[in-house]
Each structure stands twice: as C-alpha cells, then as structure tokens.
Amino acid sequence: MSDAQSILLILLFFYFIECLKWAALGSVSFTVWAVFKPFARIQKPTVDFFGAKKRLFLAPIIPAFKLQLITDKTHEAGHLSSAIKTVSGLRRRLFYLRVRTLPLRTLSVLIFATYFIFLPALYLNFGLGSFLYSAVGLGYFLQFVCAIFYFRAHRYFFPEQLGVRILHTFYNIILPWHAMRASDEFFIKSSAQWSELAILGATASSDQINHRLALYWREAQFLKAPSYSVATLKQIFDEINIPVDSAMALVVPEKEGRTYCPCCGVVYGNAVRHCLDCGKLGLKKT
C-alpha cells in the first residue's frame, strides 16, 4: 500500500468517527432533508450503551444533503422544559438554520468531493504530481473559507460559546474530516433543546412520523403513565390539523382467533390476555 493510499484510509477512518454522534440514552434521532421539504425519518440507534447511559447514532454519510436532529426531550417534563415546544416555532427555527448554514453545507460538500473524489482520481491518473498537490492546496483553502463561515454562523446562533467557537474554527482549518461535518453541530446542538413532539409535528408528512404521534395519543388514552398528556398532544394535533379520531384507528388483523393490543397494535396468539409492553393492558379479539 502506497503512502497516498494510507493517507486516504486515515481520512476515511477519521471521517467515519466524525459521523458517529453520541446522545443520552432514550434520545430520538431524526434525519431531515436539507432542502426545504417537511419530511423526516426516525433513525434507529446504531448501538445502546446501557452501562454508560449513552446511545450512538450514525449520521448520514454524505454531508449536508440530510440533516440530523437529536433530542432527549421525549416525555411530558422534557416537552414542558423545551426551548421550542410549538410546531410553528420549530419550523421557523429550522428554516433559519437551513438558510444560515447553506454556505457552510455547500463548502462541506465541496471539501468532501475534493478529498474523496478529486484527489483519488488525480492520483490514479497522474500520480504524485503538481496536480495532486494543487488539489490538496484547494482542499485546505476550502477548509479556511469553511472555518470563516462556521465562525460567523456560530456567533449568530450561539453567541455565548466563544471558547467552543474558536476551538472548532481551528479544527475546521486543520482537520478535513471536521470541516466536512461542520454544519452538524448547529442542528444537533439546537435540536437538543427542542421538544420531540414539536419535531414530529413540524415534519409530520411521512407515515412513520404520523404513526408515532398516533401511538402517543393511544398511550394517553389507555396507559396510566403515558409519555405525554392528552392536553399536550391535543395542542400538537390541532397545530398540524390531524384529527384525533384517526389516531385511534388501528388496522385490525384479519385472521380470526387472534388478539391484539389496542394501544401499540401488536398481534398476539389467542392464549395471551395482556400486552406486557403496555403495562399489562387487556387485549382485544379480532
């Protein structure tokens, strides 16, 4: 293996490490398209470390096209303590984040393409020559410009965090993998203060999101200690114009003699009488 190939492998390794995002156990991660579409997908955690009470998520590998939001405010108390708990407020904040970080995200894509596409192509065609060194210089120039945009955007959104701003600006200048993921900090750090319900409501255009809202509503109807109260959920449903009656609708299994949970919808055999996942809630027959 040549020195250039070894350097590329090192870049790939550190970039992969940069894509791993730590969060508190119980946190929920959403991936949202970077373009102005109200669509999100709930992301499953890569690993749960119960001893450390941490959860590990893998960010989208290609930078800037998809954004990652992570919040641990997944219960009533967390919702009430959130900095943003309304759907309209979160949509405005997400819009501002997308607009202000657009130059930064564009530069991240260019840096990613420079190191992982252009440099390998130049090496394969011309070897270690002036073209390759010029491309490396271009990469570091883009990192310097990225650091400037990062500093300005960070000062706008987090004006009190001067130490973090200076340190990460320095990282963006010298570490290519850090510059490629420079915009992650804005969305992950901001969404940590947002309510899960507000994120669900602001991105409730997919079946997966609507299903989760409906599950929370049924929990509030059936469980003694639901994640959210009826009043809190009603505010979100009213904001996004989803009728609460639709949240109670479940696709009942067609096969006779089976039982199902009216809350989570899990189907059981006829011998089972209670759903253990829903606090021993009584099952219904088809």
Protein backbone atom coordinates (compact mmCIF):
# COMPACT_ATOMS: atom_id res chain seq x y z
CA MET A 1 0.00 0.00 0.00
CA SER A 2 1.41 3.39 -1.01
CA ASP A 3 1.68 6.41 1.25
CA ALA A 4 -1.14 8.18 -0.62
CA GLN A 5 -3.45 5.19 -0.17
CA SER A 6 -2.60 5.06 3.54
CA ILE A 7 -3.44 8.74 3.92
CA LEU A 8 -6.78 8.20 2.18
CA LEU A 9 -7.61 5.32 4.52
CA ILE A 10 -6.74 7.51 7.52
CA LEU A 11 -9.03 10.24 6.18
CA LEU A 12 -11.84 7.74 5.72
CA PHE A 13 -11.34 6.36 9.23
CA PHE A 14 -11.45 9.76 10.94
CA TYR A 15 -14.38 10.86 8.78
CA PHE A 16 -16.33 7.78 9.88
CA ILE A 17 -15.54 8.61 13.52
CA GLU A 18 -16.82 12.14 12.89
CA CYS A 19 -20.12 10.65 11.63
CA LEU A 20 -20.74 8.89 14.98
CA LYS A 21 -22.91 11.01 17.26
CA TRP A 22 -23.28 10.36 20.99
CA ALA A 23 -26.53 11.12 22.80
CA ALA A 24 -28.23 10.37 26.10
CA LEU A 25 -29.95 7.01 26.45
CA GLY A 26 -33.57 7.38 25.34
CA SER A 27 -32.80 10.12 22.82
CA VAL A 28 -34.53 10.13 19.45
CA SER A 29 -32.78 10.98 16.19
CA PHE A 30 -34.42 12.36 13.05
CA THR A 31 -32.89 12.73 9.61
CA VAL A 32 -34.35 15.66 7.67
CA TRP A 33 -33.73 16.56 4.05
CA ALA A 34 -31.56 19.66 3.73
CA VAL A 35 -33.81 21.04 1.00
CA PHE A 36 -36.98 22.79 2.09
CA LYS A 37 -39.19 19.73 2.43
CA PRO A 38 -41.10 18.94 5.65
CA PHE A 39 -40.05 15.31 5.57
CA ALA A 40 -38.12 13.44 8.25
CA ARG A 41 -37.31 9.86 9.12
CA ILE A 42 -36.89 8.48 12.63
CA GLN A 43 -33.45 6.93 12.85
CA LYS A 44 -32.73 3.79 14.82
CA PRO A 45 -29.72 3.96 17.16
CA THR A 46 -26.60 2.17 15.98
CA VAL A 47 -25.68 0.96 19.50
CA ASP A 48 -27.10 1.45 23.01
CA PHE A 49 -24.57 1.53 25.84
CA PHE A 50 -26.78 0.94 28.86
CA GLY A 51 -23.90 0.96 31.35
CA ALA A 52 -22.74 4.39 30.19
CA LYS A 53 -26.35 5.53 29.63
CA LYS A 54 -25.42 6.61 26.13
CA ARG A 55 -26.82 5.99 22.68
CA LEU A 56 -24.81 6.08 19.47
CA PHE A 57 -26.24 7.28 16.15
CA LEU A 58 -24.64 7.20 12.71
CA ALA A 59 -25.10 10.47 10.83
CA PRO A 60 -25.84 10.41 7.08
CA ILE A 61 -22.56 9.54 5.36
CA ILE A 62 -22.81 12.17 2.61
CA PRO A 63 -22.64 15.57 4.34
CA ALA A 64 -25.16 18.39 4.01
CA PHE A 65 -27.84 16.64 1.93
CA LYS A 66 -29.54 15.25 5.03
CA LEU A 67 -29.58 16.91 8.44
CA GLN A 68 -29.63 15.15 11.79
CA LEU A 69 -31.75 16.27 14.75
CA ILE A 70 -31.32 14.60 18.15
CA THR A 71 -33.41 15.29 21.25
CA ASP A 72 -33.81 13.59 24.61
CA LYS A 73 -36.98 15.56 25.46
CA THR A 74 -39.21 12.55 24.79
CA HIS A 75 -41.64 12.86 27.69
CA GLU A 76 -44.03 15.35 29.26
CA ALA A 77 -41.48 17.02 31.55
CA GLY A 78 -38.99 17.34 28.72
CA HIS A 79 -41.62 18.87 26.47
CA LEU A 80 -42.54 21.49 29.05
CA SER A 81 -38.87 22.42 29.62
CA SER A 82 -38.06 22.65 25.91
CA ALA A 83 -36.83 25.90 24.42
CA ILE A 84 -39.14 25.32 21.46
CA LYS A 85 -42.33 23.34 22.03
CA THR A 86 -44.63 24.59 19.25
CA VAL A 87 -44.69 23.33 15.67
CA SER A 88 -44.75 26.82 14.15
CA GLY A 89 -41.80 27.96 16.28
CA LEU A 90 -39.75 24.93 15.34
CA ARG A 91 -40.47 25.34 11.64
CA ARG A 92 -39.23 28.94 11.78
CA ARG A 93 -36.09 27.93 13.66
CA LEU A 94 -35.36 25.08 11.28
CA PHE A 95 -35.84 27.44 8.33
CA TYR A 96 -33.33 29.92 9.78
CA LEU A 97 -30.84 27.13 10.46
CA ARG A 98 -31.10 25.87 6.90
CA VAL A 99 -30.66 29.35 5.42
CA ARG A 100 -27.78 30.48 7.65
CA THR A 101 -25.85 27.22 7.24
CA LEU A 102 -26.35 26.91 3.47
CA PRO A 103 -22.88 28.30 2.56
CA LEU A 104 -21.32 26.12 5.24
CA ARG A 105 -23.07 22.99 3.99
CA THR A 106 -22.12 23.78 0.39
CA LEU A 107 -18.46 24.09 1.39
CA SER A 108 -18.69 20.80 3.31
CA VAL A 109 -19.83 19.02 0.16
CA LEU A 110 -17.02 20.61 -1.87
CA ILE A 111 -14.42 19.57 0.72
CA PHE A 112 -15.84 16.04 0.80
CA ALA A 113 -15.67 15.85 -3.01
CA THR A 114 -12.13 17.26 -3.08
CA TYR A 115 -10.64 14.72 -0.69
CA PHE A 116 -12.67 11.62 -1.52
CA ILE A 117 -13.35 12.05 -5.26
CA PHE A 118 -10.98 14.51 -6.93
CA LEU A 119 -7.80 13.56 -5.05
CA PRO A 120 -8.11 9.79 -5.65
CA ALA A 121 -8.95 10.45 -9.33
CA LEU A 122 -5.92 12.70 -9.77
CA TYR A 123 -3.66 10.20 -8.01
CA LEU A 124 -4.84 7.32 -10.21
CA ASN A 125 -4.32 9.31 -13.41
CA PHE A 126 -1.23 11.44 -12.67
CA GLY A 127 0.36 10.01 -9.52
CA LEU A 128 2.18 12.26 -7.06
CA GLY A 129 2.50 15.41 -9.08
CA SER A 130 1.68 19.08 -9.23
CA PHE A 131 -2.00 18.40 -9.95
CA LEU A 132 -2.35 16.42 -6.74
CA TYR A 133 -0.54 18.99 -4.61
CA SER A 134 -2.68 21.76 -6.12
CA ALA A 135 -5.82 19.83 -5.23
CA VAL A 136 -4.60 19.41 -1.63
CA GLY A 137 -3.99 23.16 -1.51
CA LEU A 138 -7.51 23.73 -2.84
CA GLY A 139 -8.88 21.48 -0.11
CA TYR A 140 -7.17 23.47 2.62
CA PHE A 141 -8.30 26.74 1.06
CA LEU A 142 -11.91 25.49 1.15
CA GLN A 143 -11.40 24.49 4.79
CA PHE A 144 -10.21 28.01 5.60
CA VAL A 145 -13.27 29.53 3.94
CA CYS A 146 -15.45 26.96 5.73
CA ALA A 147 -13.91 28.00 9.06
CA ILE A 148 -14.84 31.64 8.38
CA PHE A 149 -18.46 30.78 7.62
CA TYR A 150 -18.55 28.48 10.64
CA PHE A 151 -17.31 31.25 12.92
CA ARG A 152 -19.93 33.70 11.65
CA ALA A 153 -22.82 31.23 11.84
CA HIS A 154 -21.79 30.01 15.29
CA ARG A 155 -21.58 33.59 16.57
CA TYR A 156 -25.14 34.15 15.32
CA PHE A 157 -26.71 31.03 16.88
CA PHE A 158 -24.51 30.53 19.96
CA PRO A 159 -23.02 33.94 20.81
CA GLU A 160 -22.11 32.99 24.38
CA GLN A 161 -19.93 29.97 23.42
CA LEU A 162 -16.76 31.82 22.42
CA GLY A 163 -14.36 29.08 23.53
CA VAL A 164 -16.13 26.38 21.53
CA ARG A 165 -16.30 28.69 18.52
CA ILE A 166 -12.56 29.40 18.50
CA LEU A 167 -11.61 25.76 19.06
CA HIS A 168 -13.87 24.36 16.33
CA THR A 169 -12.84 27.11 13.92
CA PHE A 170 -9.26 25.94 14.39
CA TYR A 171 -10.33 22.32 13.86
CA ASN A 172 -12.09 23.24 10.61
CA ILE A 173 -8.88 24.81 9.30
CA ILE A 174 -6.55 21.88 10.02
CA LEU A 175 -8.82 18.77 10.00
CA PRO A 176 -10.56 17.94 6.70
CA TRP A 177 -12.97 15.44 8.26
CA HIS A 178 -14.09 18.01 10.81
CA ALA A 179 -14.77 20.62 8.12
CA MET A 180 -16.84 18.11 6.16
CA ARG A 181 -19.23 17.80 9.13
CA ALA A 182 -19.04 21.45 10.24
CA SER A 183 -22.82 22.01 9.99
CA ASP A 184 -23.73 19.00 12.17
CA GLU A 185 -23.08 20.93 15.36
CA PHE A 186 -25.70 23.58 14.59
CA PHE A 187 -28.56 21.13 14.07
CA ILE A 188 -27.66 18.63 16.79
CA LYS A 189 -26.93 21.24 19.46
CA SER A 190 -30.06 23.24 18.59
CA SER A 191 -32.38 20.22 18.43
CA ALA A 192 -31.20 19.09 21.88
CA GLN A 193 -33.37 21.94 23.22
CA TRP A 194 -36.42 21.10 21.10
CA SER A 195 -39.42 19.01 22.06
CA GLU A 196 -39.78 15.67 20.33
CA LEU A 197 -43.47 16.43 19.75
CA ALA A 198 -42.64 19.72 18.05
CA ILE A 199 -40.17 17.94 15.74
CA LEU A 200 -42.77 15.27 14.97
CA GLY A 201 -45.39 17.91 14.25
CA ALA A 202 -43.09 20.02 12.10
CA THR A 203 -42.11 17.03 9.95
CA ALA A 204 -45.38 15.06 10.07
CA SER A 205 -45.63 14.38 6.36
CA SER A 206 -44.42 10.78 6.49
CA ASP A 207 -46.36 7.73 7.65
CA GLN A 208 -43.64 6.88 10.15
CA ILE A 209 -43.97 10.25 11.91
CA ASN A 210 -47.77 10.17 11.94
CA HIS A 211 -47.68 6.63 13.31
CA ARG A 212 -45.54 7.75 16.26
CA LEU A 213 -47.89 10.64 17.06
CA ALA A 214 -50.87 8.28 16.89
CA LEU A 215 -49.11 5.83 19.23
CA TYR A 216 -48.53 8.58 21.80
CA TRP A 217 -52.22 9.52 21.59
CA ARG A 218 -53.34 5.94 22.21
CA GLU A 219 -50.89 5.69 25.12
CA ALA A 220 -52.54 8.76 26.65
CA GLN A 221 -55.92 7.05 26.33
CA PHE A 222 -55.01 3.61 27.65
CA LEU A 223 -51.94 3.81 29.90
CA LYS A 224 -51.77 5.02 33.48
CA ALA A 225 -48.39 6.72 32.98
CA PRO A 226 -48.22 7.81 29.31
CA SER A 227 -45.31 9.66 27.79
CA TYR A 228 -47.47 12.73 27.17
CA SER A 229 -50.77 14.04 28.48
CA VAL A 230 -53.89 14.38 26.36
CA ALA A 231 -53.77 18.18 26.65
CA THR A 232 -50.20 18.38 25.38
CA LEU A 233 -50.88 16.05 22.46
CA LYS A 234 -54.10 17.89 21.60
CA GLN A 235 -52.12 21.11 21.08
CA ILE A 236 -49.79 19.40 18.59
CA PHE A 237 -52.66 17.67 16.75
CA ASP A 238 -54.54 20.97 16.46
CA GLU A 239 -51.45 22.76 15.11
CA ILE A 240 -50.91 20.25 12.31
CA ASN A 241 -54.64 19.66 11.65
CA ILE A 242 -54.64 15.91 12.26
CA PRO A 243 -57.98 14.64 13.64
CA VAL A 244 -57.57 12.79 16.91
CA ASP A 245 -60.07 10.16 15.74
CA SER A 246 -57.59 8.97 13.13
CA ALA A 247 -55.02 8.35 15.88
CA MET A 248 -57.32 5.77 17.47
CA ALA A 249 -57.74 3.84 14.24
CA LEU A 250 -55.77 0.60 14.09
CA VAL A 251 -55.51 -1.91 11.28
CA VAL A 252 -57.16 -4.91 12.91
CA PRO A 253 -55.66 -8.27 11.87
CA GLU A 254 -57.93 -10.17 9.51
CA LYS A 255 -57.22 -13.63 10.86
CA GLU A 256 -59.87 -14.69 13.36
CA GLY A 257 -58.96 -16.07 16.75
CA ARG A 258 -56.05 -13.66 17.21
CA THR A 259 -55.76 -10.93 19.82
CA TYR A 260 -54.14 -7.51 19.54
CA CYS A 261 -53.19 -4.61 21.78
CA PRO A 262 -55.48 -1.59 21.28
CA CYS A 263 -52.58 0.71 22.20
CA CYS A 264 -49.47 -0.44 20.34
CA GLY A 265 -51.28 -2.69 17.84
CA VAL A 266 -49.04 -5.74 18.37
CA VAL A 267 -50.79 -9.01 17.44
CA TYR A 268 -50.68 -11.98 19.86
CA GLY A 269 -51.85 -15.54 19.89
CA ASN A 270 -55.24 -16.43 21.32
CA ALA A 271 -53.70 -17.71 24.58
CA VAL A 272 -52.27 -14.30 25.52
CA ARG A 273 -54.52 -11.98 27.52
CA HIS A 274 -52.37 -8.91 28.26
CA CYS A 275 -49.77 -6.76 26.48
CA LEU A 276 -46.64 -6.61 28.65
CA ASP A 277 -45.20 -3.69 26.66
CA CYS A 278 -48.23 -1.55 27.56
CA GLY A 279 -48.45 -2.20 31.28
CA LYS A 280 -50.45 -5.44 31.04
CA LEU A 281 -53.19 -3.75 29.05
CA GLY A 282 -56.04 -6.10 28.19
CA LEU A 283 -56.06 -7.37 24.62
CA LYS A 284 -58.94 -7.33 22.14
CA LYS A 285 -60.05 -10.11 19.85
CA THR A 286 -60.36 -9.75 16.12
